[in-house]
Amino acid sequence: MFSPAITLHSDATVAEAARVMARHRVERLPVVDDEERLVGIVTRRDLLQVFLRPDPEIRSGTATMSWSEPIG
């Protein structure tokens, strides 16, 4: 466990979340708001969902998450 906790701000992008997870070798990050209150958790699986979509969904462009879209 890290002290203080490694967190991600709610306006961070998916790409930023992936970089923080890789840099700190963690698979889950608490997501906090401007007042440092917990608003959620992002997991490695959440990030992988971008790549695990079926091919037809990828071709049609109906993705619900992009690399530049804020997490929270």
Protein backbone atom coordinates (compact mmCIF):
# COMPACT_ATOMS: atom_id res chain seq x y z
CA MET A 1 0.00 0.00 0.00
CA PHE A 2 1.16 3.53 -0.73
CA SER A 3 1.01 6.45 1.69
CA PRO A 4 -0.34 8.85 0.68
CA ALA A 5 -2.64 6.95 -1.65
CA ILE A 6 -2.07 7.25 -5.39
CA THR A 7 -5.22 8.84 -6.76
CA LEU A 8 -6.55 10.07 -10.07
CA HIS A 9 -8.50 13.29 -10.51
CA SER A 10 -11.97 12.94 -12.03
CA ASP A 11 -11.01 15.06 -15.06
CA ALA A 12 -8.08 12.77 -15.96
CA THR A 13 -8.25 11.01 -19.31
CA VAL A 14 -8.15 7.28 -19.92
CA ALA A 15 -4.61 7.67 -21.28
CA GLU A 16 -3.51 9.50 -18.12
CA ALA A 17 -5.07 6.78 -15.96
CA ALA A 18 -3.18 4.12 -17.90
CA ARG A 19 0.11 5.99 -17.48
CA VAL A 20 -0.38 6.41 -13.71
CA MET A 21 -1.27 2.73 -13.32
CA ALA A 22 1.79 1.66 -15.32
CA ARG A 23 4.15 4.06 -13.55
CA HIS A 24 3.07 2.92 -10.09
CA ARG A 25 2.37 -0.71 -11.04
CA VAL A 26 -1.17 -0.69 -9.67
CA GLU A 27 -4.36 -2.14 -11.14
CA ARG A 28 -6.88 0.13 -9.40
CA LEU A 29 -6.96 3.84 -8.69
CA PRO A 30 -9.32 5.84 -6.49
CA VAL A 31 -10.84 8.73 -8.45
CA VAL A 32 -11.26 11.98 -6.50
CA ASP A 33 -12.97 15.32 -7.13
CA ASP A 34 -11.67 18.87 -6.61
CA GLU A 35 -12.13 18.52 -2.84
CA GLU A 36 -10.24 15.20 -2.77
CA ARG A 37 -13.47 13.27 -2.06
CA LEU A 38 -13.73 9.78 -3.45
CA VAL A 39 -16.06 9.70 -6.46
CA GLY A 40 -15.16 6.29 -7.87
CA ILE A 41 -12.57 3.68 -8.69
CA VAL A 42 -11.03 3.02 -12.09
CA THR A 43 -9.57 -0.41 -12.76
CA ARG A 44 -7.23 -1.86 -15.32
CA ARG A 45 -10.20 -3.77 -16.73
CA ASP A 46 -12.07 -0.47 -17.22
CA LEU A 47 -9.19 0.74 -19.37
CA LEU A 48 -9.00 -2.52 -21.32
CA GLN A 49 -12.68 -2.23 -22.29
CA VAL A 50 -11.57 0.21 -25.00
CA PHE A 51 -9.79 -2.70 -26.71
CA LEU A 52 -12.18 -5.53 -25.81
CA ARG A 53 -15.14 -4.24 -27.81
CA PRO A 54 -16.50 -6.41 -30.62
CA ASP A 55 -15.17 -5.58 -34.09
CA PRO A 56 -18.56 -4.36 -35.42
CA GLU A 57 -18.81 -1.86 -32.56
CA ILE A 58 -15.30 -0.61 -33.26
CA ARG A 59 -16.09 -0.23 -37.00
CA SER A 60 -19.33 1.64 -36.34
CA GLY A 61 -17.61 4.09 -33.99
CA THR A 62 -20.10 3.54 -31.18
CA ALA A 63 -17.43 3.50 -28.49
CA THR A 64 -18.50 4.92 -25.16
CA MET A 65 -15.00 5.81 -23.97
CA SER A 66 -12.17 7.55 -25.74
CA TRP A 67 -8.56 8.08 -24.72
CA SER A 68 -9.08 11.82 -24.36
CA GLU A 69 -12.42 11.72 -22.55
CA PRO A 70 -12.38 12.53 -18.81
CA ILE A 71 -12.84 9.54 -16.49
CA GLY A 72 -15.34 11.02 -14.07
